[in-house]
Amino acid sequence: MMTEANQLQFVLYLHGFNSSPLSFKAQQLSACWQGAGLPAGRLLVPDLPNDPLAAIEGLEAWVEQRDAPVVLVGSSLGGYYATWLAEKYQCKALLINPAVLPCQRFEQYLGPQKNYYTDERWVLTPAHVDALAQLETPPPTDHERYWVWLQTGDETLDYREAEEFYRCCRLDIRQGGDHSYQGFVERIPELLAFAGY
């Protein structure tokens, strides 16, 4: 049963690159949230703009408008954004196979893109990569606010980069899996507990 303090928590889920609120993890989290009877207004799963600075500006505005603590949950590129927000606002953050310094990786993806879930077509430009570079933060040092979930079988990102970057944080490294994070739905109760539910 939730305490009065726990009822004040907001949870903000941030999807990854070329993803959307229709992604498997976002849908699983939303379904479990509803199934547990948690207040609908306390979970936000936004459709993030492709422009990194536009995404961050919108997220900053949302966080600043809340009258209660915000817990961030970020997957892949969403983990990069969540780290920026967590450092700026001193929020708790649970990161799932987070991207580390994506500006160094995204140059290889320049050009036409297609969203995996919405089929939206757009173009990744050098300006997008520069914007990602503007959002770089030093490695976090507050192990109490961060929990980082990694799977060694991640075929998109080398988990060791995140292991090193978040070395001062609470790390949960599991063998196998993949970039989508296998077994996520079974771990949602842990996520909710981290968020105070």
N, C-alpha and C. Protein backbone atom coordinates (compact mmCIF):
# COMPACT_ATOMS: atom_id res chain seq x y z
N MET A 1 0.84 -1.19 0.00
CA MET A 1 0.00 0.00 0.00
C MET A 1 0.88 1.24 0.00
N MET A 2 0.50 2.25 -0.83
CA MET A 2 1.29 3.45 -0.93
C MET A 2 1.08 4.34 0.28
N THR A 3 2.14 5.00 0.68
CA THR A 3 2.02 5.99 1.73
C THR A 3 1.65 7.32 1.10
N GLU A 4 1.27 8.28 1.93
CA GLU A 4 0.90 9.59 1.40
C GLU A 4 2.05 10.22 0.64
N ALA A 5 3.29 10.05 1.16
CA ALA A 5 4.45 10.63 0.49
C ALA A 5 4.66 10.00 -0.88
N ASN A 6 4.48 8.67 -0.95
CA ASN A 6 4.70 7.99 -2.22
C ASN A 6 3.70 8.42 -3.28
N GLN A 7 2.52 8.81 -2.87
CA GLN A 7 1.51 9.22 -3.84
C GLN A 7 1.92 10.49 -4.57
N LEU A 8 2.90 11.21 -4.05
CA LEU A 8 3.31 12.47 -4.67
C LEU A 8 4.27 12.28 -5.84
N GLN A 9 4.83 11.08 -5.98
CA GLN A 9 5.83 10.86 -7.01
C GLN A 9 5.22 10.90 -8.42
N PHE A 10 5.94 11.54 -9.34
CA PHE A 10 5.63 11.46 -10.76
C PHE A 10 6.68 10.57 -11.42
N VAL A 11 6.29 9.80 -12.41
CA VAL A 11 7.23 8.97 -13.16
C VAL A 11 7.20 9.42 -14.62
N LEU A 12 8.38 9.72 -15.15
CA LEU A 12 8.53 10.19 -16.53
C LEU A 12 9.35 9.17 -17.29
N TYR A 13 8.72 8.47 -18.25
CA TYR A 13 9.41 7.45 -19.04
C TYR A 13 9.86 8.06 -20.37
N LEU A 14 11.14 7.91 -20.68
CA LEU A 14 11.71 8.48 -21.90
C LEU A 14 12.18 7.37 -22.83
N HIS A 15 11.57 7.31 -24.01
CA HIS A 15 11.91 6.26 -24.98
C HIS A 15 13.21 6.58 -25.71
N GLY A 16 13.65 5.64 -26.50
CA GLY A 16 14.93 5.78 -27.19
C GLY A 16 14.82 6.35 -28.60
N PHE A 17 15.92 6.27 -29.31
CA PHE A 17 16.06 6.79 -30.67
C PHE A 17 15.12 6.06 -31.63
N ASN A 18 14.40 6.82 -32.43
CA ASN A 18 13.45 6.26 -33.41
C ASN A 18 12.41 5.36 -32.74
N SER A 19 12.08 5.68 -31.51
CA SER A 19 11.07 4.92 -30.79
C SER A 19 9.89 5.84 -30.49
N SER A 20 9.00 5.41 -29.62
CA SER A 20 7.81 6.20 -29.33
C SER A 20 7.10 5.62 -28.11
N PRO A 21 6.02 6.25 -27.65
CA PRO A 21 5.22 5.67 -26.56
C PRO A 21 4.59 4.34 -26.93
N LEU A 22 4.68 3.97 -28.21
CA LEU A 22 4.15 2.68 -28.65
C LEU A 22 5.16 1.54 -28.49
N SER A 23 6.36 1.86 -27.99
CA SER A 23 7.38 0.83 -27.83
C SER A 23 6.93 -0.21 -26.81
N PHE A 24 7.55 -1.37 -26.87
CA PHE A 24 7.15 -2.47 -25.99
C PHE A 24 7.29 -2.10 -24.52
N LYS A 25 8.44 -1.52 -24.14
CA LYS A 25 8.64 -1.20 -22.73
C LYS A 25 7.66 -0.13 -22.27
N ALA A 26 7.44 0.88 -23.10
CA ALA A 26 6.49 1.93 -22.73
C ALA A 26 5.09 1.36 -22.55
N GLN A 27 4.70 0.48 -23.45
CA GLN A 27 3.37 -0.12 -23.37
C GLN A 27 3.25 -1.05 -22.16
N GLN A 28 4.32 -1.81 -21.90
CA GLN A 28 4.29 -2.71 -20.75
C GLN A 28 4.22 -1.94 -19.44
N LEU A 29 4.98 -0.84 -19.34
CA LEU A 29 4.96 -0.04 -18.14
C LEU A 29 3.58 0.59 -17.94
N SER A 30 3.01 1.13 -19.02
CA SER A 30 1.69 1.76 -18.92
C SER A 30 0.63 0.75 -18.51
N ALA A 31 0.72 -0.46 -19.08
CA ALA A 31 -0.26 -1.50 -18.76
C ALA A 31 -0.14 -1.93 -17.30
N CYS A 32 1.08 -2.11 -16.82
CA CYS A 32 1.28 -2.51 -15.43
C CYS A 32 0.85 -1.40 -14.47
N TRP A 33 1.10 -0.18 -14.87
CA TRP A 33 0.69 0.97 -14.05
C TRP A 33 -0.83 0.97 -13.88
N GLN A 34 -1.52 0.83 -15.01
CA GLN A 34 -2.99 0.80 -14.97
C GLN A 34 -3.49 -0.41 -14.21
N GLY A 35 -2.85 -1.56 -14.47
CA GLY A 35 -3.28 -2.79 -13.80
C GLY A 35 -3.12 -2.74 -12.30
N ALA A 36 -2.15 -1.96 -11.83
CA ALA A 36 -1.92 -1.83 -10.39
C ALA A 36 -2.83 -0.78 -9.78
N GLY A 37 -3.62 -0.11 -10.62
CA GLY A 37 -4.53 0.92 -10.11
C GLY A 37 -3.83 2.18 -9.66
N LEU A 38 -2.65 2.45 -10.21
CA LEU A 38 -1.92 3.66 -9.83
C LEU A 38 -2.53 4.87 -10.54
N PRO A 39 -2.40 6.06 -9.97
CA PRO A 39 -3.04 7.25 -10.54
C PRO A 39 -2.51 7.58 -11.93
N ALA A 40 -3.41 7.68 -12.90
CA ALA A 40 -3.02 7.88 -14.30
C ALA A 40 -2.19 9.13 -14.49
N GLY A 41 -2.50 10.18 -13.78
CA GLY A 41 -1.81 11.44 -13.97
C GLY A 41 -0.39 11.46 -13.45
N ARG A 42 0.04 10.40 -12.78
CA ARG A 42 1.39 10.37 -12.22
C ARG A 42 2.41 9.72 -13.15
N LEU A 43 1.97 9.11 -14.24
CA LEU A 43 2.89 8.51 -15.21
C LEU A 43 2.77 9.27 -16.52
N LEU A 44 3.89 9.73 -17.06
CA LEU A 44 3.91 10.38 -18.36
C LEU A 44 4.87 9.63 -19.27
N VAL A 45 4.40 9.30 -20.46
CA VAL A 45 5.22 8.64 -21.47
C VAL A 45 5.12 9.49 -22.74
N PRO A 46 5.91 10.56 -22.83
CA PRO A 46 5.78 11.49 -23.95
C PRO A 46 6.37 10.96 -25.25
N ASP A 47 5.85 11.50 -26.34
CA ASP A 47 6.40 11.25 -27.67
C ASP A 47 7.47 12.32 -27.88
N LEU A 48 8.73 11.94 -27.80
CA LEU A 48 9.82 12.90 -27.83
C LEU A 48 10.12 13.38 -29.24
N PRO A 49 10.34 14.69 -29.42
CA PRO A 49 10.72 15.21 -30.74
C PRO A 49 12.06 14.62 -31.18
N ASN A 50 12.28 14.58 -32.48
CA ASN A 50 13.56 14.09 -33.00
C ASN A 50 14.69 15.06 -32.71
N ASP A 51 14.39 16.33 -32.59
CA ASP A 51 15.39 17.36 -32.29
C ASP A 51 15.72 17.27 -30.79
N PRO A 52 16.96 16.93 -30.43
CA PRO A 52 17.32 16.76 -29.02
C PRO A 52 17.04 17.98 -28.15
N LEU A 53 17.33 19.17 -28.65
CA LEU A 53 17.11 20.36 -27.83
C LEU A 53 15.63 20.62 -27.63
N ALA A 54 14.83 20.36 -28.65
CA ALA A 54 13.38 20.51 -28.49
C ALA A 54 12.85 19.50 -27.48
N ALA A 55 13.40 18.29 -27.53
CA ALA A 55 12.98 17.26 -26.57
C ALA A 55 13.30 17.70 -25.15
N ILE A 56 14.52 18.17 -24.93
CA ILE A 56 14.94 18.57 -23.59
C ILE A 56 14.15 19.79 -23.11
N GLU A 57 13.92 20.74 -23.99
CA GLU A 57 13.17 21.94 -23.58
C GLU A 57 11.76 21.56 -23.10
N GLY A 58 11.12 20.66 -23.83
CA GLY A 58 9.79 20.22 -23.43
C GLY A 58 9.81 19.47 -22.11
N LEU A 59 10.83 18.63 -21.93
CA LEU A 59 10.94 17.85 -20.69
C LEU A 59 11.26 18.75 -19.50
N GLU A 60 12.15 19.71 -19.71
CA GLU A 60 12.47 20.64 -18.63
C GLU A 60 11.22 21.40 -18.19
N ALA A 61 10.44 21.85 -19.16
CA ALA A 61 9.22 22.59 -18.83
C ALA A 61 8.27 21.72 -18.02
N TRP A 62 8.16 20.45 -18.40
CA TRP A 62 7.26 19.55 -17.68
C TRP A 62 7.73 19.33 -16.26
N VAL A 63 9.02 19.05 -16.09
CA VAL A 63 9.56 18.80 -14.74
C VAL A 63 9.37 20.04 -13.87
N GLU A 64 9.63 21.23 -14.42
CA GLU A 64 9.55 22.45 -13.64
C GLU A 64 8.12 22.79 -13.22
N GLN A 65 7.15 22.24 -13.94
CA GLN A 65 5.75 22.51 -13.62
C GLN A 65 5.20 21.56 -12.57
N ARG A 66 5.94 20.50 -12.24
CA ARG A 66 5.45 19.55 -11.25
C ARG A 66 5.59 20.13 -9.85
N ASP A 67 4.65 19.80 -9.00
CA ASP A 67 4.69 20.26 -7.61
C ASP A 67 5.10 19.13 -6.67
N ALA A 68 5.73 18.09 -7.25
CA ALA A 68 6.15 16.94 -6.46
C ALA A 68 7.36 16.31 -7.14
N PRO A 69 8.10 15.43 -6.42
CA PRO A 69 9.29 14.80 -7.01
C PRO A 69 8.98 14.04 -8.30
N VAL A 70 9.97 14.05 -9.20
CA VAL A 70 9.86 13.33 -10.47
C VAL A 70 10.93 12.24 -10.49
N VAL A 71 10.52 11.02 -10.83
CA VAL A 71 11.44 9.91 -11.01
C VAL A 71 11.53 9.64 -12.51
N LEU A 72 12.75 9.62 -13.02
CA LEU A 72 12.99 9.44 -14.45
C LEU A 72 13.29 7.99 -14.77
N VAL A 73 12.73 7.50 -15.87
CA VAL A 73 13.05 6.18 -16.38
C VAL A 73 13.41 6.38 -17.85
N GLY A 74 14.65 6.07 -18.22
CA GLY A 74 15.09 6.32 -19.58
C GLY A 74 15.71 5.10 -20.22
N SER A 75 15.30 4.83 -21.45
CA SER A 75 15.83 3.70 -22.21
C SER A 75 16.68 4.21 -23.37
N SER A 76 17.89 3.69 -23.51
CA SER A 76 18.77 4.02 -24.62
C SER A 76 19.01 5.53 -24.69
N LEU A 77 18.64 6.20 -25.78
CA LEU A 77 18.82 7.65 -25.87
C LEU A 77 18.00 8.35 -24.78
N GLY A 78 16.87 7.76 -24.40
CA GLY A 78 16.09 8.30 -23.30
C GLY A 78 16.87 8.29 -22.00
N GLY A 79 17.80 7.33 -21.86
CA GLY A 79 18.66 7.29 -20.69
C GLY A 79 19.64 8.45 -20.67
N TYR A 80 20.09 8.85 -21.85
CA TYR A 80 20.99 10.01 -21.98
C TYR A 80 20.25 11.28 -21.56
N TYR A 81 19.02 11.43 -22.07
CA TYR A 81 18.20 12.57 -21.69
C TYR A 81 17.90 12.56 -20.19
N ALA A 82 17.58 11.37 -19.67
CA ALA A 82 17.25 11.25 -18.25
C ALA A 82 18.44 11.66 -17.38
N THR A 83 19.64 11.34 -17.81
CA THR A 83 20.84 11.71 -17.06
C THR A 83 20.98 13.22 -17.00
N TRP A 84 20.75 13.88 -18.14
CA TRP A 84 20.81 15.35 -18.18
C TRP A 84 19.81 15.94 -17.18
N LEU A 85 18.59 15.45 -17.23
CA LEU A 85 17.54 15.97 -16.36
C LEU A 85 17.82 15.65 -14.89
N ALA A 86 18.29 14.44 -14.63
CA ALA A 86 18.57 14.03 -13.26
C ALA A 86 19.67 14.90 -12.64
N GLU A 87 20.67 15.24 -13.43
CA GLU A 87 21.74 16.07 -12.93
C GLU A 87 21.27 17.51 -12.72
N LYS A 88 20.43 18.01 -13.61
CA LYS A 88 19.96 19.40 -13.48
C LYS A 88 18.99 19.57 -12.33
N TYR A 89 18.10 18.59 -12.15
CA TYR A 89 17.03 18.74 -11.16
C TYR A 89 17.19 17.84 -9.94
N GLN A 90 18.29 17.11 -9.87
CA GLN A 90 18.55 16.23 -8.73
C GLN A 90 17.45 15.19 -8.54
N CYS A 91 16.97 14.64 -9.67
CA CYS A 91 15.93 13.61 -9.66
C CYS A 91 16.56 12.23 -9.50
N LYS A 92 15.75 11.28 -9.10
CA LYS A 92 16.14 9.88 -9.17
C LYS A 92 15.99 9.42 -10.62
N ALA A 93 16.84 8.49 -11.06
CA ALA A 93 16.77 8.02 -12.43
C ALA A 93 17.10 6.53 -12.52
N LEU A 94 16.25 5.80 -13.20
CA LEU A 94 16.49 4.40 -13.53
C LEU A 94 16.75 4.34 -15.03
N LEU A 95 17.93 3.88 -15.40
CA LEU A 95 18.37 3.89 -16.80
C LEU A 95 18.48 2.47 -17.32
N ILE A 96 17.93 2.24 -18.52
CA ILE A 96 17.89 0.90 -19.11
C ILE A 96 18.73 0.90 -20.39
N ASN A 97 19.85 0.18 -20.37
CA ASN A 97 20.78 0.17 -21.51
C ASN A 97 20.96 1.59 -22.06
N PRO A 98 21.40 2.54 -21.21
CA PRO A 98 21.46 3.95 -21.64
C PRO A 98 22.57 4.21 -22.64
N ALA A 99 22.30 5.16 -23.54
CA ALA A 99 23.31 5.63 -24.48
C ALA A 99 24.29 6.52 -23.72
N VAL A 100 25.56 6.39 -24.04
CA VAL A 100 26.62 7.20 -23.43
C VAL A 100 27.30 7.98 -24.55
N LEU A 101 27.32 9.31 -24.44
CA LEU A 101 27.94 10.17 -25.46
C LEU A 101 27.46 9.81 -26.88
N PRO A 102 26.16 9.84 -27.13
CA PRO A 102 25.65 9.43 -28.44
C PRO A 102 26.14 10.30 -29.60
N CYS A 103 26.56 11.53 -29.31
CA CYS A 103 27.05 12.38 -30.40
C CYS A 103 28.26 11.76 -31.08
N GLN A 104 29.00 10.93 -30.37
CA GLN A 104 30.17 10.27 -30.95
C GLN A 104 29.78 9.08 -31.82
N ARG A 105 28.54 8.64 -31.70
CA ARG A 105 28.09 7.45 -32.41
C ARG A 105 27.11 7.78 -33.55
N PHE A 106 26.39 8.88 -33.40
CA PHE A 106 25.29 9.15 -34.31
C PHE A 106 25.70 9.64 -35.69
N GLU A 107 26.96 10.06 -35.83
CA GLU A 107 27.39 10.53 -37.16
C GLU A 107 27.24 9.43 -38.21
N GLN A 108 27.36 8.18 -37.80
CA GLN A 108 27.23 7.08 -38.75
C GLN A 108 25.79 6.88 -39.19
N TYR A 109 24.84 7.51 -38.49
CA TYR A 109 23.43 7.36 -38.83
C TYR A 109 22.86 8.57 -39.55
N LEU A 110 23.70 9.53 -39.91
CA LEU A 110 23.22 10.73 -40.58
C LEU A 110 22.45 10.37 -41.85
N GLY A 111 21.34 11.10 -42.06
CA GLY A 111 20.54 10.86 -43.26
C GLY A 111 19.12 10.44 -42.92
N PRO A 112 18.43 9.86 -43.89
CA PRO A 112 17.01 9.49 -43.72
C PRO A 112 16.82 8.48 -42.60
N GLN A 113 15.76 8.68 -41.82
CA GLN A 113 15.40 7.80 -40.70
C GLN A 113 13.93 7.42 -40.80
N LYS A 114 13.59 6.32 -40.14
CA LYS A 114 12.19 5.89 -40.06
C LYS A 114 11.93 5.40 -38.64
N ASN A 115 10.92 5.98 -37.99
CA ASN A 115 10.56 5.56 -36.65
C ASN A 115 10.08 4.11 -36.67
N TYR A 116 10.58 3.31 -35.73
CA TYR A 116 10.26 1.88 -35.69
C TYR A 116 8.78 1.61 -35.44
N TYR A 117 8.11 2.52 -34.75
CA TYR A 117 6.74 2.25 -34.32
C TYR A 117 5.69 3.08 -35.03
N THR A 118 6.05 4.28 -35.48
CA THR A 118 5.06 5.16 -36.10
C THR A 118 5.24 5.26 -37.61
N ASP A 119 6.37 4.77 -38.13
CA ASP A 119 6.72 4.88 -39.55
C ASP A 119 6.98 6.32 -39.98
N GLU A 120 7.09 7.23 -39.01
CA GLU A 120 7.44 8.61 -39.35
C GLU A 120 8.81 8.64 -40.03
N ARG A 121 8.92 9.40 -41.11
CA ARG A 121 10.20 9.57 -41.81
C ARG A 121 10.75 10.95 -41.53
N TRP A 122 12.05 11.01 -41.25
CA TRP A 122 12.70 12.28 -40.96
C TRP A 122 14.18 12.14 -41.29
N VAL A 123 14.93 13.23 -41.16
CA VAL A 123 16.35 13.22 -41.52
C VAL A 123 17.20 13.62 -40.32
N LEU A 124 18.16 12.77 -39.98
CA LEU A 124 19.11 13.07 -38.91
C LEU A 124 20.23 13.91 -39.51
N THR A 125 20.44 15.10 -38.97
CA THR A 125 21.40 16.05 -39.53
C THR A 125 22.57 16.29 -38.57
N PRO A 126 23.65 16.90 -39.06
CA PRO A 126 24.75 17.26 -38.16
C PRO A 126 24.29 18.17 -37.02
N ALA A 127 23.26 18.99 -37.25
CA ALA A 127 22.75 19.86 -36.19
C ALA A 127 22.19 19.03 -35.04
N HIS A 128 21.56 17.89 -35.35
CA HIS A 128 21.05 17.01 -34.30
C HIS A 128 22.22 16.46 -33.47
N VAL A 129 23.29 16.08 -34.15
CA VAL A 129 24.46 15.52 -33.46
C VAL A 129 25.09 16.59 -32.57
N ASP A 130 25.19 17.82 -33.09
CA ASP A 130 25.74 18.92 -32.30
C ASP A 130 24.88 19.18 -31.06
N ALA A 131 23.57 19.08 -31.25
CA ALA A 131 22.66 19.29 -30.12
C ALA A 131 22.88 18.24 -29.04
N LEU A 132 23.08 17.00 -29.44
CA LEU A 132 23.36 15.94 -28.47
C LEU A 132 24.64 16.25 -27.69
N ALA A 133 25.64 16.79 -28.38
CA ALA A 133 26.90 17.12 -27.72
C ALA A 133 26.69 18.19 -26.65
N GLN A 134 25.75 19.09 -26.87
CA GLN A 134 25.46 20.15 -25.90
C GLN A 134 24.86 19.59 -24.60
N LEU A 135 24.35 18.36 -24.67
CA LEU A 135 23.68 17.76 -23.52
C LEU A 135 24.60 16.82 -22.73
N GLU A 136 25.88 16.81 -23.06
CA GLU A 136 26.80 15.95 -22.35
C GLU A 136 26.91 16.38 -20.88
N THR A 137 26.99 15.40 -20.01
CA THR A 137 27.20 15.67 -18.59
C THR A 137 28.37 14.81 -18.10
N PRO A 138 29.03 15.22 -17.04
CA PRO A 138 30.07 14.37 -16.45
C PRO A 138 29.43 13.11 -15.88
N PRO A 139 30.20 12.07 -15.69
CA PRO A 139 29.64 10.86 -15.07
C PRO A 139 29.02 11.17 -13.72
N PRO A 140 27.81 10.69 -13.46
CA PRO A 140 27.17 10.95 -12.16
C PRO A 140 27.96 10.31 -11.02
N THR A 141 27.84 10.90 -9.86
CA THR A 141 28.55 10.37 -8.69
C THR A 141 27.60 10.01 -7.55
N ASP A 142 26.32 10.28 -7.71
CA ASP A 142 25.35 10.02 -6.65
C ASP A 142 24.73 8.64 -6.84
N HIS A 143 25.32 7.64 -6.19
CA HIS A 143 24.85 6.26 -6.39
C HIS A 143 23.46 6.04 -5.82
N GLU A 144 23.01 6.90 -4.93
CA GLU A 144 21.69 6.71 -4.33
C GLU A 144 20.56 7.14 -5.27
N ARG A 145 20.84 8.06 -6.18
CA ARG A 145 19.79 8.55 -7.08
C ARG A 145 19.69 7.75 -8.38
N TYR A 146 20.73 6.99 -8.70
CA TYR A 146 20.76 6.28 -9.99
C TYR A 146 20.70 4.77 -9.80
N TRP A 147 19.99 4.14 -10.72
CA TRP A 147 20.01 2.68 -10.83
C TRP A 147 20.09 2.38 -12.32
N VAL A 148 21.14 1.67 -12.72
CA VAL A 148 21.41 1.44 -14.14
C VAL A 148 21.29 -0.04 -14.45
N TRP A 149 20.37 -0.38 -15.35
CA TRP A 149 20.14 -1.76 -15.77
C TRP A 149 20.81 -1.99 -17.12
N LEU A 150 21.74 -2.94 -17.15
CA LEU A 150 22.46 -3.26 -18.38
C LEU A 150 22.35 -4.75 -18.68
N GLN A 151 22.33 -5.07 -19.97
CA GLN A 151 22.42 -6.46 -20.41
C GLN A 151 23.60 -6.59 -21.36
N THR A 152 24.43 -7.61 -21.10
CA THR A 152 25.68 -7.75 -21.85
C THR A 152 25.45 -8.10 -23.31
N GLY A 153 24.26 -8.61 -23.64
CA GLY A 153 23.96 -8.99 -25.02
C GLY A 153 23.44 -7.85 -25.87
N ASP A 154 23.48 -6.63 -25.34
CA ASP A 154 23.03 -5.45 -26.09
C ASP A 154 23.76 -5.38 -27.42
N GLU A 155 23.02 -5.52 -28.52
CA GLU A 155 23.62 -5.55 -29.84
C GLU A 155 23.79 -4.16 -30.45
N THR A 156 23.22 -3.14 -29.81
CA THR A 156 23.28 -1.78 -30.33
C THR A 156 24.34 -0.94 -29.63
N LEU A 157 24.43 -1.07 -28.32
CA LEU A 157 25.38 -0.32 -27.52
C LEU A 157 26.27 -1.27 -26.73
N ASP A 158 27.53 -0.92 -26.59
CA ASP A 158 28.46 -1.72 -25.78
C ASP A 158 28.18 -1.42 -24.31
N TYR A 159 27.66 -2.40 -23.59
CA TYR A 159 27.27 -2.18 -22.20
C TYR A 159 28.43 -1.69 -21.35
N ARG A 160 29.67 -2.01 -21.77
CA ARG A 160 30.84 -1.64 -20.98
C ARG A 160 31.04 -0.12 -20.94
N GLU A 161 30.55 0.59 -21.97
CA GLU A 161 30.64 2.04 -21.96
C GLU A 161 29.79 2.62 -20.84
N ALA A 162 28.57 2.10 -20.70
CA ALA A 162 27.70 2.56 -19.62
C ALA A 162 28.23 2.08 -18.26
N GLU A 163 28.77 0.88 -18.22
CA GLU A 163 29.33 0.36 -16.97
C GLU A 163 30.42 1.29 -16.46
N GLU A 164 31.26 1.79 -17.37
CA GLU A 164 32.34 2.69 -16.98
C GLU A 164 31.80 4.07 -16.62
N PHE A 165 30.90 4.60 -17.45
CA PHE A 165 30.39 5.96 -17.24
C PHE A 165 29.63 6.07 -15.93
N TYR A 166 28.85 5.04 -15.61
CA TYR A 166 28.03 5.07 -14.40
C TYR A 166 28.65 4.25 -13.27
N ARG A 167 29.96 4.13 -13.27
CA ARG A 167 30.65 3.24 -12.34
C ARG A 167 30.41 3.62 -10.89
N CYS A 168 30.12 4.89 -10.60
CA CYS A 168 29.88 5.30 -9.22
C CYS A 168 28.42 5.15 -8.81
N CYS A 169 27.60 4.64 -9.73
CA CYS A 169 26.17 4.49 -9.46
C CYS A 169 25.85 3.02 -9.15
N ARG A 170 24.63 2.78 -8.77
CA ARG A 170 24.17 1.41 -8.54
C ARG A 170 23.98 0.73 -9.89
N LEU A 171 24.75 -0.31 -10.14
CA LEU A 171 24.71 -1.02 -11.42
C LEU A 171 24.07 -2.39 -11.27
N ASP A 172 23.27 -2.76 -12.26
CA ASP A 172 22.67 -4.10 -12.32
C ASP A 172 23.00 -4.64 -13.71
N ILE A 173 23.99 -5.51 -13.79
CA ILE A 173 24.45 -6.03 -15.07
C ILE A 173 24.06 -7.49 -15.19
N ARG A 174 23.27 -7.81 -16.22
CA ARG A 174 22.80 -9.18 -16.41
C ARG A 174 23.35 -9.74 -17.71
N GLN A 175 23.74 -11.00 -17.67
CA GLN A 175 24.31 -11.66 -18.83
C GLN A 175 23.23 -11.89 -19.89
N GLY A 176 23.67 -11.77 -21.16
CA GLY A 176 22.75 -12.02 -22.27
C GLY A 176 21.81 -10.86 -22.50
N GLY A 177 20.59 -11.19 -22.96
CA GLY A 177 19.62 -10.15 -23.24
C GLY A 177 19.92 -9.44 -24.55
N ASP A 178 19.39 -8.25 -24.70
CA ASP A 178 19.61 -7.46 -25.91
C ASP A 178 19.30 -5.99 -25.62
N HIS A 179 19.33 -5.15 -26.66
CA HIS A 179 19.15 -3.72 -26.44
C HIS A 179 17.75 -3.38 -25.92
N SER A 180 16.77 -4.17 -26.28
CA SER A 180 15.40 -3.90 -25.82
C SER A 180 15.21 -4.26 -24.35
N TYR A 181 16.15 -4.94 -23.77
CA TYR A 181 16.17 -5.40 -22.38
C TYR A 181 15.14 -6.50 -22.15
N GLN A 182 15.60 -7.71 -22.38
CA GLN A 182 14.75 -8.88 -22.17
C GLN A 182 14.35 -9.01 -20.70
N GLY A 183 13.09 -9.38 -20.47
CA GLY A 183 12.61 -9.57 -19.12
C GLY A 183 12.19 -8.29 -18.42
N PHE A 184 12.05 -7.21 -19.20
CA PHE A 184 11.69 -5.93 -18.59
C PHE A 184 10.38 -6.01 -17.81
N VAL A 185 9.38 -6.63 -18.40
CA VAL A 185 8.06 -6.62 -17.76
C VAL A 185 8.10 -7.28 -16.38
N GLU A 186 8.94 -8.30 -16.23
CA GLU A 186 9.04 -8.97 -14.93
C GLU A 186 9.70 -8.07 -13.88
N ARG A 187 10.43 -7.06 -14.33
CA ARG A 187 11.15 -6.20 -13.40
C ARG A 187 10.40 -4.90 -13.10
N ILE A 188 9.24 -4.72 -13.71
CA ILE A 188 8.49 -3.48 -13.48
C ILE A 188 8.17 -3.27 -12.00
N PRO A 189 7.83 -4.33 -11.22
CA PRO A 189 7.62 -4.08 -9.78
C PRO A 189 8.84 -3.45 -9.10
N GLU A 190 10.05 -3.82 -9.52
CA GLU A 190 11.23 -3.21 -8.96
C GLU A 190 11.33 -1.74 -9.35
N LEU A 191 10.99 -1.45 -10.60
CA LEU A 191 10.97 -0.07 -11.09
C LEU A 191 9.99 0.76 -10.27
N LEU A 192 8.80 0.22 -10.05
CA LEU A 192 7.79 0.94 -9.29
C LEU A 192 8.23 1.17 -7.84
N ALA A 193 8.91 0.19 -7.27
CA ALA A 193 9.42 0.35 -5.91
C ALA A 193 10.48 1.45 -5.86
N PHE A 194 11.32 1.48 -6.87
CA PHE A 194 12.35 2.53 -6.97
C PHE A 194 11.70 3.91 -7.02
N ALA A 195 10.54 3.97 -7.71
CA ALA A 195 9.81 5.23 -7.83
C ALA A 195 8.95 5.55 -6.62
N GLY A 196 8.95 4.66 -5.65
CA GLY A 196 8.22 4.92 -4.42
C GLY A 196 6.83 4.33 -4.36
N TYR A 197 6.54 3.41 -5.27
CA TYR A 197 5.21 2.77 -5.29
C TYR A 197 5.31 1.31 -4.86
